Amino acid sequence: MPGKVISIMVRPGDRVSAGDEVCVVEAMKMEQSIRTGQDGVIKAVHVQPMDSVSANDPLVELE
């Protein structure tokens, strides 16, 4: 479902644990927290606040 990135909580180099919130996406006037599925280090952030995103678009990349 298409949406819009509202906020990003991480930057490249940040350590994250499984379940950490990395960004918030709004779709159909509802905000959805996007969380990591595993521990790791943020390698890249592929979106900026206010970017439009679609299903399966990469948001962040873990090492």
N, C-alpha and C. Protein backbone atom coordinates (compact mmCIF):
# COMPACT_ATOMS: atom_id res chain seq x y z
N MET A 1 0.85 -1.17 0.00
CA MET A 1 0.00 0.00 0.00
C MET A 1 0.90 1.24 0.00
N PRO A 2 0.67 2.20 -0.87
CA PRO A 2 1.50 3.41 -0.90
C PRO A 2 1.35 4.21 0.38
N GLY A 3 2.41 4.91 0.73
CA GLY A 3 2.39 5.73 1.93
C GLY A 3 3.41 6.84 1.84
N LYS A 4 3.56 7.58 2.94
CA LYS A 4 4.50 8.69 3.01
C LYS A 4 5.32 8.53 4.28
N VAL A 5 6.63 8.71 4.14
CA VAL A 5 7.53 8.63 5.29
C VAL A 5 7.30 9.87 6.15
N ILE A 6 6.99 9.66 7.42
CA ILE A 6 6.74 10.76 8.35
C ILE A 6 8.02 11.13 9.10
N SER A 7 8.74 10.13 9.60
CA SER A 7 9.97 10.41 10.34
C SER A 7 10.92 9.21 10.25
N ILE A 8 12.20 9.51 10.44
CA ILE A 8 13.24 8.49 10.43
C ILE A 8 14.02 8.62 11.73
N MET A 9 14.18 7.51 12.43
CA MET A 9 14.84 7.55 13.74
C MET A 9 16.29 7.10 13.72
N VAL A 10 16.81 6.65 12.58
CA VAL A 10 18.17 6.11 12.53
C VAL A 10 19.00 6.80 11.46
N ARG A 11 20.33 6.64 11.60
CA ARG A 11 21.29 7.14 10.61
C ARG A 11 22.29 6.04 10.33
N PRO A 12 22.96 6.10 9.19
CA PRO A 12 24.01 5.10 8.93
C PRO A 12 25.01 5.06 10.09
N GLY A 13 25.36 3.85 10.48
CA GLY A 13 26.30 3.65 11.57
C GLY A 13 25.62 3.36 12.90
N ASP A 14 24.32 3.65 13.01
CA ASP A 14 23.60 3.37 14.27
C ASP A 14 23.45 1.87 14.47
N ARG A 15 23.64 1.41 15.71
CA ARG A 15 23.38 0.01 16.08
C ARG A 15 21.91 -0.11 16.44
N VAL A 16 21.26 -1.16 15.95
CA VAL A 16 19.86 -1.42 16.27
C VAL A 16 19.70 -2.86 16.74
N SER A 17 18.66 -3.07 17.52
CA SER A 17 18.31 -4.40 18.00
C SER A 17 16.97 -4.79 17.38
N ALA A 18 16.71 -6.08 17.29
CA ALA A 18 15.43 -6.55 16.75
C ALA A 18 14.29 -5.86 17.50
N GLY A 19 13.36 -5.30 16.75
CA GLY A 19 12.20 -4.64 17.34
C GLY A 19 12.36 -3.14 17.48
N ASP A 20 13.55 -2.60 17.25
CA ASP A 20 13.74 -1.14 17.32
C ASP A 20 12.99 -0.45 16.20
N GLU A 21 12.40 0.70 16.51
CA GLU A 21 11.70 1.50 15.50
C GLU A 21 12.73 2.25 14.65
N VAL A 22 12.61 2.13 13.32
CA VAL A 22 13.54 2.83 12.44
C VAL A 22 12.87 3.99 11.70
N CYS A 23 11.57 3.90 11.45
CA CYS A 23 10.86 5.00 10.82
C CYS A 23 9.36 4.84 11.01
N VAL A 24 8.64 5.91 10.65
CA VAL A 24 7.18 5.90 10.71
C VAL A 24 6.67 6.24 9.32
N VAL A 25 5.73 5.43 8.83
CA VAL A 25 5.12 5.64 7.52
C VAL A 25 3.62 5.85 7.72
N GLU A 26 3.07 6.82 7.02
CA GLU A 26 1.62 7.07 7.06
C GLU A 26 0.99 6.53 5.78
N ALA A 27 -0.06 5.75 5.95
CA ALA A 27 -0.83 5.22 4.81
C ALA A 27 -2.30 5.25 5.21
N MET A 28 -3.12 5.79 4.36
CA MET A 28 -4.56 5.90 4.61
C MET A 28 -4.85 6.60 5.94
N LYS A 29 -4.09 7.65 6.23
CA LYS A 29 -4.25 8.49 7.42
C LYS A 29 -3.96 7.75 8.73
N MET A 30 -3.24 6.62 8.63
CA MET A 30 -2.83 5.88 9.82
C MET A 30 -1.31 5.80 9.83
N GLU A 31 -0.70 6.04 10.99
CA GLU A 31 0.75 5.94 11.11
C GLU A 31 1.14 4.53 11.51
N GLN A 32 2.18 4.02 10.87
CA GLN A 32 2.67 2.67 11.12
C GLN A 32 4.15 2.74 11.47
N SER A 33 4.52 2.22 12.64
CA SER A 33 5.93 2.14 13.01
C SER A 33 6.58 0.99 12.26
N ILE A 34 7.72 1.27 11.66
CA ILE A 34 8.48 0.23 10.96
C ILE A 34 9.64 -0.14 11.88
N ARG A 35 9.73 -1.42 12.21
CA ARG A 35 10.73 -1.90 13.17
C ARG A 35 11.66 -2.92 12.51
N THR A 36 12.87 -3.04 13.06
CA THR A 36 13.83 -4.00 12.53
C THR A 36 13.42 -5.42 12.91
N GLY A 37 13.80 -6.35 12.07
CA GLY A 37 13.52 -7.75 12.35
C GLY A 37 14.71 -8.47 12.95
N GLN A 38 15.86 -7.77 13.03
CA GLN A 38 17.07 -8.41 13.54
C GLN A 38 18.02 -7.35 14.07
N ASP A 39 19.02 -7.79 14.81
CA ASP A 39 20.08 -6.90 15.29
C ASP A 39 21.00 -6.55 14.13
N GLY A 40 21.64 -5.39 14.20
CA GLY A 40 22.60 -5.03 13.17
C GLY A 40 23.01 -3.58 13.26
N VAL A 41 23.70 -3.12 12.22
CA VAL A 41 24.14 -1.73 12.10
C VAL A 41 23.51 -1.17 10.83
N ILE A 42 22.99 0.04 10.93
CA ILE A 42 22.37 0.66 9.75
C ILE A 42 23.46 0.97 8.73
N LYS A 43 23.34 0.37 7.56
CA LYS A 43 24.31 0.59 6.49
C LYS A 43 23.91 1.79 5.64
N ALA A 44 22.60 1.92 5.35
CA ALA A 44 22.11 3.02 4.52
C ALA A 44 20.65 3.31 4.85
N VAL A 45 20.27 4.57 4.68
CA VAL A 45 18.87 4.98 4.79
C VAL A 45 18.48 5.43 3.38
N HIS A 46 17.47 4.78 2.80
CA HIS A 46 17.11 5.01 1.40
C HIS A 46 15.98 6.01 1.21
N VAL A 47 15.43 6.55 2.30
CA VAL A 47 14.31 7.48 2.20
C VAL A 47 14.55 8.70 3.08
N GLN A 48 13.80 9.75 2.82
CA GLN A 48 13.82 10.97 3.60
C GLN A 48 12.39 11.27 4.05
N PRO A 49 12.21 12.06 5.11
CA PRO A 49 10.85 12.44 5.50
C PRO A 49 10.12 13.10 4.32
N MET A 50 8.86 12.76 4.20
CA MET A 50 7.95 13.25 3.16
C MET A 50 8.08 12.51 1.83
N ASP A 51 9.00 11.52 1.72
CA ASP A 51 9.09 10.70 0.52
C ASP A 51 7.86 9.80 0.42
N SER A 52 7.39 9.60 -0.79
CA SER A 52 6.33 8.62 -1.04
C SER A 52 6.98 7.26 -1.23
N VAL A 53 6.38 6.23 -0.65
CA VAL A 53 6.92 4.88 -0.77
C VAL A 53 5.80 3.91 -1.13
N SER A 54 6.18 2.82 -1.74
CA SER A 54 5.25 1.75 -2.10
C SER A 54 5.66 0.48 -1.37
N ALA A 55 4.79 -0.50 -1.41
CA ALA A 55 5.10 -1.79 -0.80
C ALA A 55 6.40 -2.32 -1.40
N ASN A 56 7.24 -2.89 -0.56
CA ASN A 56 8.51 -3.50 -0.94
C ASN A 56 9.61 -2.51 -1.30
N ASP A 57 9.38 -1.19 -1.16
CA ASP A 57 10.47 -0.22 -1.35
C ASP A 57 11.44 -0.36 -0.18
N PRO A 58 12.76 -0.36 -0.45
CA PRO A 58 13.71 -0.42 0.67
C PRO A 58 13.70 0.90 1.43
N LEU A 59 13.63 0.82 2.75
CA LEU A 59 13.63 2.01 3.60
C LEU A 59 15.00 2.20 4.23
N VAL A 60 15.50 1.16 4.88
CA VAL A 60 16.83 1.17 5.46
C VAL A 60 17.51 -0.15 5.13
N GLU A 61 18.84 -0.13 5.21
CA GLU A 61 19.62 -1.35 4.92
C GLU A 61 20.50 -1.65 6.12
N LEU A 62 20.49 -2.90 6.55
CA LEU A 62 21.32 -3.35 7.68
C LEU A 62 22.55 -4.09 7.21
N GLU A 63 23.64 -3.99 8.01
CA GLU A 63 24.84 -4.80 7.78
C GLU A 63 24.78 -5.99 8.68
